[in-house]
Amino acid sequence: MRGSEGSAERKLLGVLYGAGPAASLDCNRLYARWLQKRAVFVTEDGVRCAGMHSLGLDRQLLRLPAEKPVSGRWELYSEDGGTLLGVSRPQTVSRGQSWRLR
């Protein structure tokens, strides 16, 4: 958890958990998951390109459906993954680009 210095605010940023097939605990694995807002790019023909990986607190990697530039809109969802926070105006994106949603 992280809190602002001098305030009582606390926020859960992610979870770390273990799981494994053996009761002896010698074959277990550790997993982690960030709890962050989710960005989805929705192409003009309705293909949804959601984040495949997280890079820290505020970065996500998305896989676009084509090698060429694709047009569509960004959708931003809250940390619960279901509450839509906003939709962008139409954009054209290409692989390798970096976008910052505000």
PDB file of N, CA and C in Angstrom:
ATOM      1  N   MET A   1       0.840  -1.172   0.000  1.00  0.00           N
ATOM      2  CA  MET A   1       0.000   0.000   0.000  1.00  0.00           C
ATOM      3  C   MET A   1       0.886   1.236   0.000  1.00  0.00           C
ATOM      4  N   ARG A   2       0.316   2.295  -0.573  1.00  0.00           N
ATOM      5  CA  ARG A   2       1.050   3.546  -0.639  1.00  0.00           C
ATOM      6  C   ARG A   2       0.161   4.649  -0.101  1.00  0.00           C
ATOM      7  N   GLY A   3       0.710   5.509   0.675  1.00  0.00           N
ATOM      8  CA  GLY A   3      -0.045   6.647   1.181  1.00  0.00           C
ATOM      9  C   GLY A   3       0.709   7.927   0.909  1.00  0.00           C
ATOM     10  N   SER A   4      -0.005   9.009   0.773  1.00  0.00           N
ATOM     11  CA  SER A   4       0.622  10.309   0.596  1.00  0.00           C
ATOM     12  C   SER A   4       1.295  10.690   1.899  1.00  0.00           C
ATOM     13  N   GLU A   5       2.451  11.307   1.786  1.00  0.00           N
ATOM     14  CA  GLU A   5       3.167  11.703   2.981  1.00  0.00           C
ATOM     15  C   GLU A   5       2.335  12.714   3.758  1.00  0.00           C
ATOM     16  N   GLY A   6       2.160  12.473   5.033  1.00  0.00           N
ATOM     17  CA  GLY A   6       1.408  13.382   5.872  1.00  0.00           C
ATOM     18  C   GLY A   6      -0.101  13.211   5.782  1.00  0.00           C
ATOM     19  N   SER A   7      -0.583  12.182   5.078  1.00  0.00           N
ATOM     20  CA  SER A   7      -2.031  11.973   5.005  1.00  0.00           C
ATOM     21  C   SER A   7      -2.357  10.535   5.367  1.00  0.00           C
ATOM     22  N   ALA A   8      -3.621  10.298   5.632  1.00  0.00           N
ATOM     23  CA  ALA A   8      -4.066   8.960   5.992  1.00  0.00           C
ATOM     24  C   ALA A   8      -4.490   8.165   4.757  1.00  0.00           C
ATOM     25  N   GLU A   9      -4.366   8.756   3.562  1.00  0.00           N
ATOM     26  CA  GLU A   9      -4.788   8.064   2.337  1.00  0.00           C
ATOM     27  C   GLU A   9      -3.923   6.831   2.092  1.00  0.00           C
ATOM     28  N   ARG A  10      -4.578   5.720   1.782  1.00  0.00           N
ATOM     29  CA  ARG A  10      -3.863   4.489   1.467  1.00  0.00           C
ATOM     30  C   ARG A  10      -4.512   3.897   0.227  1.00  0.00           C
ATOM     31  N   LYS A  11      -3.695   3.314  -0.636  1.00  0.00           N
ATOM     32  CA  LYS A  11      -4.220   2.777  -1.880  1.00  0.00           C
ATOM     33  C   LYS A  11      -3.519   1.459  -2.181  1.00  0.00           C
ATOM     34  N   LEU A  12      -4.295   0.438  -2.487  1.00  0.00           N
ATOM     35  CA  LEU A  12      -3.751  -0.852  -2.870  1.00  0.00           C
ATOM     36  C   LEU A  12      -3.297  -0.775  -4.317  1.00  0.00           C
ATOM     37  N   LEU A  13      -2.004  -1.056  -4.582  1.00  0.00           N
ATOM     38  CA  LEU A  13      -1.444  -0.952  -5.924  1.00  0.00           C
ATOM     39  C   LEU A  13      -1.368  -2.284  -6.646  1.00  0.00           C
ATOM     40  N   GLY A  14      -1.345  -3.374  -5.897  1.00  0.00           N
ATOM     41  CA  GLY A  14      -1.248  -4.675  -6.530  1.00  0.00           C
ATOM     42  C   GLY A  14      -1.284  -5.780  -5.500  1.00  0.00           C
ATOM     43  N   VAL A  15      -1.215  -7.005  -5.982  1.00  0.00           N
ATOM     44  CA  VAL A  15      -1.226  -8.155  -5.086  1.00  0.00           C
ATOM     45  C   VAL A  15      -0.106  -9.112  -5.471  1.00  0.00           C
ATOM     46  N   LEU A  16       0.393  -9.800  -4.489  1.00  0.00           N
ATOM     47  CA  LEU A  16       1.410 -10.822  -4.670  1.00  0.00           C
ATOM     48  C   LEU A  16       0.866 -12.082  -4.020  1.00  0.00           C
ATOM     49  N   TYR A  17       0.877 -13.191  -4.746  1.00  0.00           N
ATOM     50  CA  TYR A  17       0.328 -14.419  -4.187  1.00  0.00           C
ATOM     51  C   TYR A  17       1.104 -15.623  -4.708  1.00  0.00           C
ATOM     52  N   GLY A  18       1.007 -16.718  -3.993  1.00  0.00           N
ATOM     53  CA  GLY A  18       1.686 -17.945  -4.368  1.00  0.00           C
ATOM     54  C   GLY A  18       0.688 -19.064  -4.585  1.00  0.00           C
ATOM     55  N   ALA A  19       1.082 -19.980  -5.445  1.00  0.00           N
ATOM     56  CA  ALA A  19       0.231 -21.144  -5.714  1.00  0.00           C
ATOM     57  C   ALA A  19       1.120 -22.262  -6.227  1.00  0.00           C
ATOM     58  N   GLY A  20       0.695 -23.478  -5.997  1.00  0.00           N
ATOM     59  CA  GLY A  20       1.480 -24.599  -6.481  1.00  0.00           C
ATOM     60  C   GLY A  20       0.758 -25.909  -6.319  1.00  0.00           C
ATOM     61  N   PRO A  21       1.252 -26.938  -7.022  1.00  0.00           N
ATOM     62  CA  PRO A  21       0.589 -28.234  -7.016  1.00  0.00           C
ATOM     63  C   PRO A  21       0.927 -29.121  -5.809  1.00  0.00           C
ATOM     64  N   ALA A  22       1.968 -28.772  -5.059  1.00  0.00           N
ATOM     65  CA  ALA A  22       2.432 -29.675  -4.012  1.00  0.00           C
ATOM     66  C   ALA A  22       2.134 -29.125  -2.618  1.00  0.00           C
ATOM     67  N   ALA A  23       1.579 -29.964  -1.774  1.00  0.00           N
ATOM     68  CA  ALA A  23       1.310 -29.569  -0.389  1.00  0.00           C
ATOM     69  C   ALA A  23       2.605 -29.342   0.384  1.00  0.00           C
ATOM     70  N   SER A  24       3.710 -29.917  -0.098  1.00  0.00           N
ATOM     71  CA  SER A  24       5.008 -29.771   0.574  1.00  0.00           C
ATOM     72  C   SER A  24       5.608 -28.386   0.367  1.00  0.00           C
ATOM     73  N   LEU A  25       4.998 -27.572  -0.492  1.00  0.00           N
ATOM     74  CA  LEU A  25       5.401 -26.190  -0.768  1.00  0.00           C
ATOM     75  C   LEU A  25       6.766 -26.071  -1.448  1.00  0.00           C
ATOM     76  N   ASP A  26       7.284 -27.157  -2.037  1.00  0.00           N
ATOM     77  CA  ASP A  26       8.582 -27.074  -2.705  1.00  0.00           C
ATOM     78  C   ASP A  26       8.462 -26.887  -4.218  1.00  0.00           C
ATOM     79  N   CYS A  27       7.269 -26.810  -4.743  1.00  0.00           N
ATOM     80  CA  CYS A  27       7.054 -26.617  -6.188  1.00  0.00           C
ATOM     81  C   CYS A  27       6.167 -25.401  -6.467  1.00  0.00           C
ATOM     82  N   ASN A  28       6.091 -24.494  -5.527  1.00  0.00           N
ATOM     83  CA  ASN A  28       5.180 -23.364  -5.676  1.00  0.00           C
ATOM     84  C   ASN A  28       5.777 -22.267  -6.546  1.00  0.00           C
ATOM     85  N   ARG A  29       4.909 -21.415  -7.027  1.00  0.00           N
ATOM     86  CA  ARG A  29       5.303 -20.260  -7.827  1.00  0.00           C
ATOM     87  C   ARG A  29       4.710 -19.005  -7.203  1.00  0.00           C
ATOM     88  N   LEU A  30       5.360 -17.870  -7.456  1.00  0.00           N
ATOM     89  CA  LEU A  30       4.838 -16.584  -7.014  1.00  0.00           C
ATOM     90  C   LEU A  30       4.280 -15.839  -8.211  1.00  0.00           C
ATOM     91  N   TYR A  31       3.168 -15.171  -8.010  1.00  0.00           N
ATOM     92  CA  TYR A  31       2.529 -14.378  -9.051  1.00  0.00           C
ATOM     93  C   TYR A  31       2.266 -12.989  -8.487  1.00  0.00           C
ATOM     94  N   ALA A  32       2.242 -12.000  -9.365  1.00  0.00           N
ATOM     95  CA  ALA A  32       1.916 -10.633  -8.954  1.00  0.00           C
ATOM     96  C   ALA A  32       0.972 -10.025  -9.981  1.00  0.00           C
ATOM     97  N   ARG A  33       0.155  -9.115  -9.530  1.00  0.00           N
ATOM     98  CA  ARG A  33      -0.785  -8.440 -10.434  1.00  0.00           C
ATOM     99  C   ARG A  33      -0.973  -7.005  -9.958  1.00  0.00           C
ATOM    100  N   TRP A  34      -0.759  -6.060 -10.877  1.00  0.00           N
ATOM    101  CA  TRP A  34      -1.032  -4.654 -10.581  1.00  0.00           C
ATOM    102  C   TRP A  34      -2.522  -4.418 -10.679  1.00  0.00           C
ATOM    103  N   LEU A  35      -3.028  -3.566  -9.834  1.00  0.00           N
ATOM    104  CA  LEU A  35      -4.418  -3.127  -9.927  1.00  0.00           C
ATOM    105  C   LEU A  35      -4.359  -1.711 -10.482  1.00  0.00           C
ATOM    106  N   GLN A  36      -4.669  -1.561 -11.738  1.00  0.00           N
ATOM    107  CA  GLN A  36      -4.538  -0.271 -12.400  1.00  0.00           C
ATOM    108  C   GLN A  36      -5.694  -0.033 -13.349  1.00  0.00           C
ATOM    109  N   LYS A  37      -5.798   1.192 -13.800  1.00  0.00           N
ATOM    110  CA  LYS A  37      -6.804   1.497 -14.811  1.00  0.00           C
ATOM    111  C   LYS A  37      -6.475   0.686 -16.062  1.00  0.00           C
ATOM    112  N   ARG A  38      -7.499   0.387 -16.842  1.00  0.00           N
ATOM    113  CA  ARG A  38      -7.318  -0.447 -18.027  1.00  0.00           C
ATOM    114  C   ARG A  38      -7.663   0.360 -19.268  1.00  0.00           C
ATOM    115  N   ALA A  39      -6.735   0.380 -20.216  1.00  0.00           N
ATOM    116  CA  ALA A  39      -6.959   1.046 -21.496  1.00  0.00           C
ATOM    117  C   ALA A  39      -7.247  -0.014 -22.554  1.00  0.00           C
ATOM    118  N   VAL A  40      -8.275   0.239 -23.373  1.00  0.00           N
ATOM    119  CA  VAL A  40      -8.653  -0.670 -24.460  1.00  0.00           C
ATOM    120  C   VAL A  40      -8.784   0.170 -25.722  1.00  0.00           C
ATOM    121  N   PHE A  41      -8.180  -0.295 -26.809  1.00  0.00           N
ATOM    122  CA  PHE A  41      -8.358   0.387 -28.092  1.00  0.00           C
ATOM    123  C   PHE A  41      -9.385  -0.413 -28.879  1.00  0.00           C
ATOM    124  N   VAL A  42     -10.457   0.254 -29.310  1.00  0.00           N
ATOM    125  CA  VAL A  42     -11.525  -0.398 -30.060  1.00  0.00           C
ATOM    126  C   VAL A  42     -11.461   0.118 -31.490  1.00  0.00           C
ATOM    127  N   THR A  43     -11.170  -0.787 -32.440  1.00  0.00           N
ATOM    128  CA  THR A  43     -11.035  -0.384 -33.833  1.00  0.00           C
ATOM    129  C   THR A  43     -12.395  -0.037 -34.425  1.00  0.00           C
ATOM    130  N   GLU A  44     -12.377   0.619 -35.592  1.00  0.00           N
ATOM    131  CA  GLU A  44     -13.629   1.012 -36.255  1.00  0.00           C
ATOM    132  C   GLU A  44     -14.534  -0.178 -36.558  1.00  0.00           C
ATOM    133  N   ASP A  45     -13.932  -1.352 -36.783  1.00  0.00           N
ATOM    134  CA  ASP A  45     -14.754  -2.536 -37.067  1.00  0.00           C
ATOM    135  C   ASP A  45     -15.067  -3.358 -35.806  1.00  0.00           C
ATOM    136  N   GLY A  46     -14.809  -2.781 -34.614  1.00  0.00           N
ATOM    137  CA  GLY A  46     -15.239  -3.400 -33.373  1.00  0.00           C
ATOM    138  C   GLY A  46     -14.258  -4.339 -32.696  1.00  0.00           C
ATOM    139  N   VAL A  47     -13.046  -4.503 -33.232  1.00  0.00           N
ATOM    140  CA  VAL A  47     -12.050  -5.366 -32.589  1.00  0.00           C
ATOM    141  C   VAL A  47     -11.520  -4.645 -31.350  1.00  0.00           C
ATOM    142  N   ARG A  48     -11.567  -5.336 -30.208  1.00  0.00           N
ATOM    143  CA  ARG A  48     -11.112  -4.758 -28.945  1.00  0.00           C
ATOM    144  C   ARG A  48      -9.687  -5.205 -28.667  1.00  0.00           C
ATOM    145  N   CYS A  49      -8.783  -4.254 -28.510  1.00  0.00           N
ATOM    146  CA  CYS A  49      -7.367  -4.523 -28.241  1.00  0.00           C
ATOM    147  C   CYS A  49      -7.087  -4.124 -26.797  1.00  0.00           C
ATOM    148  N   ALA A  50      -7.154  -5.089 -25.904  1.00  0.00           N
ATOM    149  CA  ALA A  50      -6.942  -4.830 -24.475  1.00  0.00           C
ATOM    150  C   ALA A  50      -5.481  -5.058 -24.119  1.00  0.00           C
ATOM    151  N   GLY A  51      -5.084  -4.557 -22.953  1.00  0.00           N
ATOM    152  CA  GLY A  51      -3.711  -4.729 -22.488  1.00  0.00           C
ATOM    153  C   GLY A  51      -3.346  -6.191 -22.306  1.00  0.00           C
ATOM    154  N   MET A  52      -2.145  -6.556 -22.790  1.00  0.00           N
ATOM    155  CA  MET A  52      -1.663  -7.927 -22.630  1.00  0.00           C
ATOM    156  C   MET A  52      -0.727  -8.029 -21.431  1.00  0.00           C
ATOM    157  N   HIS A  53       0.012  -6.968 -21.158  1.00  0.00           N
ATOM    158  CA  HIS A  53       0.987  -6.958 -20.067  1.00  0.00           C
ATOM    159  C   HIS A  53       0.996  -5.581 -19.425  1.00  0.00           C
ATOM    160  N   SER A  54       1.384  -5.553 -18.176  1.00  0.00           N
ATOM    161  CA  SER A  54       1.541  -4.301 -17.466  1.00  0.00           C
ATOM    162  C   SER A  54       3.030  -4.036 -17.297  1.00  0.00           C
ATOM    163  N   LEU A  55       3.412  -2.781 -17.425  1.00  0.00           N
ATOM    164  CA  LEU A  55       4.790  -2.362 -17.176  1.00  0.00           C
ATOM    165  C   LEU A  55       4.763  -1.363 -16.030  1.00  0.00           C
ATOM    166  N   GLY A  56       4.627  -1.837 -14.813  1.00  0.00           N
ATOM    167  CA  GLY A  56       4.567  -0.953 -13.663  1.00  0.00           C
ATOM    168  C   GLY A  56       3.167  -0.436 -13.413  1.00  0.00           C
ATOM    169  N   LEU A  57       3.119   0.726 -12.767  1.00  0.00           N
ATOM    170  CA  LEU A  57       1.842   1.261 -12.296  1.00  0.00           C
ATOM    171  C   LEU A  57       0.982   1.874 -13.380  1.00  0.00           C
ATOM    172  N   ASP A  58       1.580   2.393 -14.443  1.00  0.00           N
ATOM    173  CA  ASP A  58       0.789   3.182 -15.378  1.00  0.00           C
ATOM    174  C   ASP A  58       1.111   2.921 -16.842  1.00  0.00           C
ATOM    175  N   ARG A  59       1.619   1.755 -17.163  1.00  0.00           N
ATOM    176  CA  ARG A  59       1.920   1.423 -18.551  1.00  0.00           C
ATOM    177  C   ARG A  59       1.358   0.052 -18.901  1.00  0.00           C
ATOM    178  N   GLN A  60       0.818  -0.049 -20.112  1.00  0.00           N
ATOM    179  CA  GLN A  60       0.276  -1.319 -20.589  1.00  0.00           C
ATOM    180  C   GLN A  60       0.728  -1.538 -22.030  1.00  0.00           C
ATOM    181  N   LEU A  61       0.962  -2.788 -22.371  1.00  0.00           N
ATOM    182  CA  LEU A  61       1.269  -3.155 -23.755  1.00  0.00           C
ATOM    183  C   LEU A  61       0.004  -3.704 -24.393  1.00  0.00           C
ATOM    184  N   LEU A  62      -0.282  -3.246 -25.603  1.00  0.00           N
ATOM    185  CA  LEU A  62      -1.455  -3.718 -26.338  1.00  0.00           C
ATOM    186  C   LEU A  62      -0.996  -4.356 -27.642  1.00  0.00           C
ATOM    187  N   ARG A  63      -1.722  -5.347 -28.100  1.00  0.00           N
ATOM    188  CA  ARG A  63      -1.438  -5.975 -29.386  1.00  0.00           C
ATOM    189  C   ARG A  63      -2.484  -5.496 -30.378  1.00  0.00           C
ATOM    190  N   LEU A  64      -2.009  -4.796 -31.420  1.00  0.00           N
ATOM    191  CA  LEU A  64      -2.911  -4.324 -32.467  1.00  0.00           C
ATOM    192  C   LEU A  64      -3.168  -5.446 -33.464  1.00  0.00           C
ATOM    193  N   PRO A  65      -4.340  -5.450 -34.110  1.00  0.00           N
ATOM    194  CA  PRO A  65      -4.715  -6.555 -34.985  1.00  0.00           C
ATOM    195  C   PRO A  65      -4.037  -6.548 -36.360  1.00  0.00           C
ATOM    196  N   ALA A  66      -3.309  -5.490 -36.716  1.00  0.00           N
ATOM    197  CA  ALA A  66      -2.728  -5.416 -38.058  1.00  0.00           C
ATOM    198  C   ALA A  66      -1.372  -4.716 -38.008  1.00  0.00           C
ATOM    199  N   GLU A  67      -0.564  -4.967 -39.023  1.00  0.00           N
ATOM    200  CA  GLU A  67       0.748  -4.318 -39.137  1.00  0.00           C
ATOM    201  C   GLU A  67       0.610  -2.855 -39.532  1.00  0.00           C
ATOM    202  N   LYS A  68      -0.451  -2.538 -40.263  1.00  0.00           N
ATOM    203  CA  LYS A  68      -0.655  -1.172 -40.750  1.00  0.00           C
ATOM    204  C   LYS A  68      -1.378  -0.333 -39.701  1.00  0.00           C
ATOM    205  N   PRO A  69      -1.387   0.999 -39.843  1.00  0.00           N
ATOM    206  CA  PRO A  69      -2.125   1.847 -38.902  1.00  0.00           C
ATOM    207  C   PRO A  69      -3.605   1.469 -38.840  1.00  0.00           C
ATOM    208  N   VAL A  70      -4.183   1.607 -37.641  1.00  0.00           N
ATOM    209  CA  VAL A  70      -5.570   1.226 -37.387  1.00  0.00           C
ATOM    210  C   VAL A  70      -6.290   2.421 -36.764  1.00  0.00           C
ATOM    211  N   SER A  71      -7.523   2.668 -37.185  1.00  0.00           N
ATOM    212  CA  SER A  71      -8.320   3.762 -36.620  1.00  0.00           C
ATOM    213  C   SER A  71      -9.340   3.213 -35.636  1.00  0.00           C
ATOM    214  N   GLY A  72      -9.627   4.009 -34.622  1.00  0.00           N
ATOM    215  CA  GLY A  72     -10.604   3.623 -33.615  1.00  0.00           C
ATOM    216  C   GLY A  72     -10.607   4.602 -32.466  1.00  0.00           C
ATOM    217  N   ARG A  73     -11.073   4.148 -31.311  1.00  0.00           N
ATOM    218  CA  ARG A  73     -11.172   4.991 -30.119  1.00  0.00           C
ATOM    219  C   ARG A  73     -10.580   4.266 -28.915  1.00  0.00           C
ATOM    220  N   TRP A  74     -10.036   5.048 -27.990  1.00  0.00           N
ATOM    221  CA  TRP A  74      -9.561   4.527 -26.717  1.00  0.00           C
ATOM    222  C   TRP A  74     -10.716   4.523 -25.720  1.00  0.00           C
ATOM    223  N   GLU A  75     -10.804   3.471 -24.925  1.00  0.00           N
ATOM    224  CA  GLU A  75     -11.718   3.417 -23.791  1.00  0.00           C
ATOM    225  C   GLU A  75     -10.863   3.247 -22.546  1.00  0.00           C
ATOM    226  N   LEU A  76     -11.164   3.995 -21.499  1.00  0.00           N
ATOM    227  CA  LEU A  76     -10.430   3.894 -20.245  1.00  0.00           C
ATOM    228  C   LEU A  76     -11.385   3.431 -19.160  1.00  0.00           C
ATOM    229  N   TYR A  77     -11.000   2.341 -18.477  1.00  0.00           N
ATOM    230  CA  TYR A  77     -11.815   1.740 -17.418  1.00  0.00           C
ATOM    231  C   TYR A  77     -11.112   1.906 -16.076  1.00  0.00           C
ATOM    232  N   SER A  78     -11.879   1.985 -15.001  1.00  0.00           N
ATOM    233  CA  SER A  78     -11.314   2.113 -13.655  1.00  0.00           C
ATOM    234  C   SER A  78     -10.613   0.818 -13.245  1.00  0.00           C
ATOM    235  N   GLU A  79     -10.049   0.838 -12.061  1.00  0.00           N
ATOM    236  CA  GLU A  79      -9.306  -0.318 -11.547  1.00  0.00           C
ATOM    237  C   GLU A  79     -10.156  -1.567 -11.412  1.00  0.00           C
ATOM    238  N   ASP A  80     -11.466  -1.424 -11.322  1.00  0.00           N
ATOM    239  CA  ASP A  80     -12.315  -2.610 -11.219  1.00  0.00           C
ATOM    240  C   ASP A  80     -12.489  -3.305 -12.567  1.00  0.00           C
ATOM    241  N   GLY A  81     -12.010  -2.669 -13.646  1.00  0.00           N
ATOM    242  CA  GLY A  81     -12.058  -3.266 -14.976  1.00  0.00           C
ATOM    243  C   GLY A  81     -13.393  -3.169 -15.668  1.00  0.00           C
ATOM    244  N   GLY A  82     -14.431  -2.650 -14.997  1.00  0.00           N
ATOM    245  CA  GLY A  82     -15.753  -2.622 -15.597  1.00  0.00           C
ATOM    246  C   GLY A  82     -16.394  -1.245 -15.682  1.00  0.00           C
ATOM    247  N   THR A  83     -15.885  -0.292 -14.907  1.00  0.00           N
ATOM    248  CA  THR A  83     -16.475   1.039 -14.904  1.00  0.00           C
ATOM    249  C   THR A  83     -15.792   1.901 -15.960  1.00  0.00           C
ATOM    250  N   LEU A  84     -16.538   2.280 -16.987  1.00  0.00           N
ATOM    251  CA  LEU A  84     -16.000   3.091 -18.072  1.00  0.00           C
ATOM    252  C   LEU A  84     -15.813   4.520 -17.587  1.00  0.00           C
ATOM    253  N   LEU A  85     -14.565   5.027 -17.678  1.00  0.00           N
ATOM    254  CA  LEU A  85     -14.255   6.382 -17.236  1.00  0.00           C
ATOM    255  C   LEU A  85     -14.331   7.388 -18.375  1.00  0.00           C
ATOM    256  N   GLY A  86     -14.054   6.935 -19.597  1.00  0.00           N
ATOM    257  CA  GLY A  86     -14.094   7.864 -20.718  1.00  0.00           C
ATOM    258  C   GLY A  86     -13.748   7.191 -22.025  1.00  0.00           C
ATOM    259  N   VAL A  87     -14.099   7.883 -23.116  1.00  0.00           N
ATOM    260  CA  VAL A  87     -13.829   7.408 -24.477  1.00  0.00           C
ATOM    261  C   VAL A  87     -13.185   8.563 -25.230  1.00  0.00           C
ATOM    262  N   SER A  88     -12.132   8.290 -25.975  1.00  0.00           N
ATOM    263  CA  SER A  88     -11.433   9.333 -26.721  1.00  0.00           C
ATOM    264  C   SER A  88     -12.145   9.663 -28.026  1.00  0.00           C
ATOM    265  N   ARG A  89     -11.726  10.721 -28.642  1.00  0.00           N
ATOM    266  CA  ARG A  89     -12.170  11.013 -29.997  1.00  0.00           C
ATOM    267  C   ARG A  89     -11.461  10.021 -30.916  1.00  0.00           C
ATOM    268  N   PRO A  90     -11.870   9.878 -32.174  1.00  0.00           N
ATOM    269  CA  PRO A  90     -11.226   8.917 -33.082  1.00  0.00           C
ATOM    270  C   PRO A  90      -9.720   9.191 -33.230  1.00  0.00           C
ATOM    271  N   GLN A  91      -8.954   8.117 -33.233  1.00  0.00           N
ATOM    272  CA  GLN A  91      -7.494   8.177 -33.342  1.00  0.00           C
ATOM    273  C   GLN A  91      -7.029   7.155 -34.375  1.00  0.00           C
ATOM    274  N   THR A  92      -5.859   7.363 -34.943  1.00  0.00           N
ATOM    275  CA  THR A  92      -5.210   6.362 -35.777  1.00  0.00           C
ATOM    276  C   THR A  92      -3.906   5.995 -35.073  1.00  0.00           C
ATOM    277  N   VAL A  93      -3.719   4.707 -34.796  1.00  0.00           N
ATOM    278  CA  VAL A  93      -2.538   4.239 -34.071  1.00  0.00           C
ATOM    279  C   VAL A  93      -1.780   3.221 -34.916  1.00  0.00           C
ATOM    280  N   SER A  94      -0.480   3.110 -34.625  1.00  0.00           N
ATOM    281  CA  SER A  94       0.393   2.147 -35.297  1.00  0.00           C
ATOM    282  C   SER A  94       1.197   1.402 -34.257  1.00  0.00           C
ATOM    283  N   ARG A  95       1.668   0.227 -34.615  1.00  0.00           N
ATOM    284  CA  ARG A  95       2.540  -0.533 -33.716  1.00  0.00           C
ATOM    285  C   ARG A  95       3.787   0.281 -33.411  1.00  0.00           C
ATOM    286  N   GLY A  96       4.254   0.167 -32.179  1.00  0.00           N
ATOM    287  CA  GLY A  96       5.469   0.852 -31.761  1.00  0.00           C
ATOM    288  C   GLY A  96       5.240   2.248 -31.205  1.00  0.00           C
ATOM    289  N   GLN A  97       4.030   2.758 -31.313  1.00  0.00           N
ATOM    290  CA  GLN A  97       3.741   4.085 -30.776  1.00  0.00           C
ATOM    291  C   GLN A  97       3.518   4.024 -29.269  1.00  0.00           C
ATOM    292  N   SER A  98       3.736   5.156 -28.630  1.00  0.00           N
ATOM    293  CA  SER A  98       3.468   5.308 -27.211  1.00  0.00           C
ATOM    294  C   SER A  98       2.399   6.374 -27.056  1.00  0.00           C
ATOM    295  N   TRP A  99       1.370   6.077 -26.242  1.00  0.00           N
ATOM    296  CA  TRP A  99       0.260   7.003 -26.026  1.00  0.00           C
ATOM    297  C   TRP A  99       0.126   7.270 -24.537  1.00  0.00           C
ATOM    298  N   ARG A 100      -0.256   8.469 -24.217  1.00  0.00           N
ATOM    299  CA  ARG A 100      -0.527   8.826 -22.818  1.00  0.00           C
ATOM    300  C   ARG A 100      -1.967   9.300 -22.742  1.00  0.00           C
ATOM    301  N   LEU A 101      -2.766   8.595 -21.957  1.00  0.00           N
ATOM    302  CA  LEU A 101      -4.160   8.963 -21.766  1.00  0.00           C
ATOM    303  C   LEU A 101      -4.301   9.794 -20.512  1.00  0.00           C
ATOM    304  N   ARG A 102      -5.004  10.927 -20.623  1.00  0.00           N
ATOM    305  CA  ARG A 102      -5.223  11.801 -19.459  1.00  0.00           C
ATOM    306  C   ARG A 102      -6.694  12.038 -19.304  1.00  0.00           C
TER     307      ARG A 102
END
